Amino acid sequence: MRPVYRHNDKAYIILRRVHESRFSSKLDSPPNMEYVQMYRDWCGADHVLRDSTHFLFCETIQDINFEGYEIEGNN
C-alpha cells in the first residue's frame, strides 16, 4: 500500500520520494526544476511536493461528490 500525504486540505498518494540532490548537477547547486518536471512526467505523477530534503512525486486523490446519491438504510 502506498503512503498518503495530506497537504492544504488535499490528499496525495506518494508514488516516489527522491532526494533533491539527484536533480542537481553539482553538490551545492540548487536542483534543476526541468529535471524534476521530466521525472514527474516519467513516473506518472500529477503533482510534486517538497520537504526539507526530498521531492515527493504524487498522484492527487480526487474529491468525491456525493450529491445526488441516496444512501439506503435498513428498513
N, C-alpha and C. Protein backbone atom coordinates (compact mmCIF):
# COMPACT_ATOMS: atom_id res chain seq x y z
N MET A 1 0.84 -1.18 0.00
CA MET A 1 0.00 0.00 0.00
C MET A 1 0.89 1.24 0.00
N ARG A 2 0.55 2.19 -0.81
CA ARG A 2 1.34 3.42 -0.91
C ARG A 2 0.91 4.41 0.17
N PRO A 3 1.88 5.20 0.65
CA PRO A 3 1.52 6.18 1.69
C PRO A 3 0.69 7.34 1.14
N VAL A 4 -0.16 7.87 1.99
CA VAL A 4 -0.99 9.03 1.65
C VAL A 4 -0.48 10.21 2.44
N TYR A 5 -0.40 11.36 1.80
CA TYR A 5 0.11 12.59 2.41
C TYR A 5 -0.95 13.67 2.27
N ARG A 6 -1.26 14.35 3.36
CA ARG A 6 -2.23 15.44 3.31
C ARG A 6 -1.48 16.77 3.34
N HIS A 7 -1.89 17.68 2.44
CA HIS A 7 -1.26 19.00 2.34
C HIS A 7 -2.31 19.99 1.89
N ASN A 8 -2.53 21.05 2.67
CA ASN A 8 -3.52 22.10 2.34
C ASN A 8 -4.89 21.53 1.99
N ASP A 9 -5.41 20.68 2.85
CA ASP A 9 -6.75 20.08 2.68
C ASP A 9 -6.89 19.23 1.42
N LYS A 10 -5.80 18.77 0.88
CA LYS A 10 -5.81 17.84 -0.25
C LYS A 10 -5.05 16.59 0.17
N ALA A 11 -5.41 15.48 -0.44
CA ALA A 11 -4.73 14.22 -0.15
C ALA A 11 -4.01 13.74 -1.41
N TYR A 12 -2.84 13.19 -1.21
CA TYR A 12 -1.99 12.72 -2.32
C TYR A 12 -1.46 11.32 -2.01
N ILE A 13 -1.36 10.51 -3.03
CA ILE A 13 -0.68 9.22 -2.92
C ILE A 13 0.76 9.46 -3.34
N ILE A 14 1.69 9.11 -2.49
CA ILE A 14 3.11 9.31 -2.82
C ILE A 14 3.58 8.13 -3.68
N LEU A 15 3.94 8.46 -4.92
CA LEU A 15 4.42 7.44 -5.85
C LEU A 15 5.91 7.21 -5.68
N ARG A 16 6.65 8.28 -5.50
CA ARG A 16 8.12 8.20 -5.34
C ARG A 16 8.60 9.33 -4.43
N ARG A 17 9.67 9.08 -3.73
CA ARG A 17 10.32 10.08 -2.88
C ARG A 17 11.80 10.07 -3.26
N VAL A 18 12.27 11.19 -3.79
CA VAL A 18 13.63 11.25 -4.34
C VAL A 18 14.38 12.41 -3.70
N HIS A 19 15.60 12.14 -3.26
CA HIS A 19 16.43 13.18 -2.65
C HIS A 19 16.69 14.29 -3.66
N GLU A 20 16.61 15.53 -3.20
CA GLU A 20 16.75 16.68 -4.12
C GLU A 20 18.10 16.73 -4.80
N SER A 21 19.15 16.16 -4.20
CA SER A 21 20.48 16.18 -4.82
C SER A 21 20.52 15.40 -6.13
N ARG A 22 19.57 14.51 -6.36
CA ARG A 22 19.51 13.74 -7.61
C ARG A 22 19.22 14.62 -8.82
N PHE A 23 18.71 15.83 -8.56
CA PHE A 23 18.34 16.72 -9.65
C PHE A 23 19.30 17.91 -9.77
N SER A 24 20.44 17.82 -9.12
CA SER A 24 21.45 18.88 -9.17
C SER A 24 22.65 18.39 -9.95
N SER A 25 23.28 19.28 -10.70
CA SER A 25 24.46 18.89 -11.46
C SER A 25 25.72 18.93 -10.60
N LYS A 26 25.70 19.75 -9.54
CA LYS A 26 26.83 19.84 -8.61
C LYS A 26 26.31 19.71 -7.19
N LEU A 27 27.18 19.38 -6.27
CA LEU A 27 26.79 19.08 -4.90
C LEU A 27 26.04 20.23 -4.22
N ASP A 28 26.51 21.45 -4.36
CA ASP A 28 25.91 22.58 -3.66
C ASP A 28 24.98 23.42 -4.53
N SER A 29 24.72 23.00 -5.75
CA SER A 29 23.86 23.80 -6.62
C SER A 29 22.39 23.45 -6.38
N PRO A 30 21.50 24.39 -6.66
CA PRO A 30 20.06 24.10 -6.49
C PRO A 30 19.60 23.08 -7.52
N PRO A 31 18.51 22.38 -7.24
CA PRO A 31 18.02 21.39 -8.21
C PRO A 31 17.51 22.04 -9.49
N ASN A 32 17.70 21.34 -10.57
CA ASN A 32 17.22 21.79 -11.88
C ASN A 32 15.75 21.39 -11.98
N MET A 33 14.85 22.37 -11.97
CA MET A 33 13.42 22.10 -11.94
C MET A 33 12.91 21.47 -13.25
N GLU A 34 13.64 21.68 -14.34
CA GLU A 34 13.27 21.00 -15.59
C GLU A 34 13.41 19.49 -15.43
N TYR A 35 14.48 19.05 -14.73
CA TYR A 35 14.68 17.62 -14.47
C TYR A 35 13.57 17.08 -13.57
N VAL A 36 13.17 17.88 -12.59
CA VAL A 36 12.09 17.47 -11.69
C VAL A 36 10.80 17.28 -12.49
N GLN A 37 10.50 18.20 -13.39
CA GLN A 37 9.29 18.09 -14.22
C GLN A 37 9.35 16.88 -15.14
N MET A 38 10.51 16.63 -15.73
CA MET A 38 10.65 15.47 -16.61
C MET A 38 10.46 14.17 -15.82
N TYR A 39 11.02 14.12 -14.60
CA TYR A 39 10.87 12.93 -13.76
C TYR A 39 9.41 12.75 -13.35
N ARG A 40 8.73 13.85 -13.03
CA ARG A 40 7.31 13.81 -12.68
C ARG A 40 6.51 13.17 -13.81
N ASP A 41 6.77 13.63 -15.03
CA ASP A 41 6.05 13.09 -16.17
C ASP A 41 6.39 11.62 -16.41
N TRP A 42 7.65 11.26 -16.23
CA TRP A 42 8.10 9.90 -16.46
C TRP A 42 7.46 8.92 -15.48
N CYS A 43 7.34 9.31 -14.20
CA CYS A 43 6.81 8.36 -13.21
C CYS A 43 5.29 8.41 -13.10
N GLY A 44 4.64 9.29 -13.88
CA GLY A 44 3.18 9.31 -13.91
C GLY A 44 2.54 10.12 -12.80
N ALA A 45 3.32 10.98 -12.15
CA ALA A 45 2.78 11.83 -11.09
C ALA A 45 2.08 13.04 -11.71
N ASP A 46 1.14 13.60 -10.97
CA ASP A 46 0.48 14.81 -11.44
C ASP A 46 0.76 16.01 -10.54
N HIS A 47 1.54 15.79 -9.48
CA HIS A 47 1.85 16.86 -8.53
C HIS A 47 3.18 16.55 -7.85
N VAL A 48 3.93 17.60 -7.54
CA VAL A 48 5.21 17.43 -6.82
C VAL A 48 5.18 18.28 -5.57
N LEU A 49 5.48 17.66 -4.44
CA LEU A 49 5.64 18.37 -3.18
C LEU A 49 7.10 18.27 -2.78
N ARG A 50 7.49 19.09 -1.82
CA ARG A 50 8.89 19.09 -1.40
C ARG A 50 8.96 19.22 0.11
N ASP A 51 9.77 18.39 0.75
CA ASP A 51 10.04 18.59 2.16
C ASP A 51 11.46 19.14 2.28
N SER A 52 12.06 19.07 3.43
CA SER A 52 13.37 19.72 3.61
C SER A 52 14.49 19.07 2.81
N THR A 53 14.34 17.80 2.42
CA THR A 53 15.43 17.11 1.71
C THR A 53 15.00 16.36 0.45
N HIS A 54 13.70 16.16 0.26
CA HIS A 54 13.22 15.30 -0.82
C HIS A 54 12.11 15.96 -1.63
N PHE A 55 11.99 15.49 -2.87
CA PHE A 55 10.82 15.78 -3.68
C PHE A 55 9.88 14.59 -3.54
N LEU A 56 8.60 14.88 -3.40
CA LEU A 56 7.58 13.84 -3.30
C LEU A 56 6.75 13.89 -4.58
N PHE A 57 6.83 12.85 -5.37
CA PHE A 57 6.09 12.77 -6.62
C PHE A 57 4.78 12.06 -6.33
N CYS A 58 3.68 12.78 -6.56
CA CYS A 58 2.38 12.34 -6.05
C CYS A 58 1.31 12.25 -7.12
N GLU A 59 0.29 11.48 -6.77
CA GLU A 59 -0.95 11.42 -7.54
C GLU A 59 -2.03 12.03 -6.65
N THR A 60 -2.75 13.00 -7.16
CA THR A 60 -3.79 13.67 -6.40
C THR A 60 -4.99 12.76 -6.23
N ILE A 61 -5.49 12.65 -5.01
CA ILE A 61 -6.71 11.91 -4.74
C ILE A 61 -7.86 12.88 -4.96
N GLN A 62 -8.68 12.58 -5.95
CA GLN A 62 -9.78 13.48 -6.31
C GLN A 62 -10.88 13.40 -5.26
N ASP A 63 -11.51 14.56 -4.99
CA ASP A 63 -12.65 14.61 -4.09
C ASP A 63 -13.82 13.89 -4.72
N ILE A 64 -14.61 13.24 -3.89
CA ILE A 64 -15.79 12.53 -4.36
C ILE A 64 -17.01 13.40 -4.09
N ASN A 65 -17.82 13.58 -5.11
CA ASN A 65 -19.03 14.36 -4.98
C ASN A 65 -20.18 13.41 -4.69
N PHE A 66 -20.75 13.50 -3.48
CA PHE A 66 -21.83 12.62 -3.09
C PHE A 66 -23.21 13.20 -3.38
N GLU A 67 -23.29 14.39 -3.96
CA GLU A 67 -24.59 14.99 -4.27
C GLU A 67 -25.32 14.12 -5.28
N GLY A 68 -26.61 13.94 -5.03
CA GLY A 68 -27.42 13.15 -5.95
C GLY A 68 -27.44 11.67 -5.62
N TYR A 69 -26.66 11.23 -4.67
CA TYR A 69 -26.66 9.83 -4.29
C TYR A 69 -27.49 9.66 -3.02
N GLU A 70 -28.29 8.63 -3.01
CA GLU A 70 -29.08 8.32 -1.83
C GLU A 70 -28.48 7.11 -1.15
N ILE A 71 -28.41 7.20 0.16
CA ILE A 71 -27.88 6.08 0.94
C ILE A 71 -29.05 5.28 1.44
N GLU A 72 -29.06 4.01 1.08
CA GLU A 72 -30.15 3.14 1.50
C GLU A 72 -29.85 2.60 2.89
N GLY A 73 -30.84 2.69 3.75
CA GLY A 73 -30.70 2.15 5.10
C GLY A 73 -31.49 0.87 5.26
N ASN A 74 -31.35 0.26 6.41
CA ASN A 74 -32.13 -0.95 6.69
C ASN A 74 -33.58 -0.54 6.97
N ASN A 75 -34.52 -1.16 6.31
CA ASN A 75 -35.94 -0.86 6.50
C ASN A 75 -36.53 -1.67 7.59
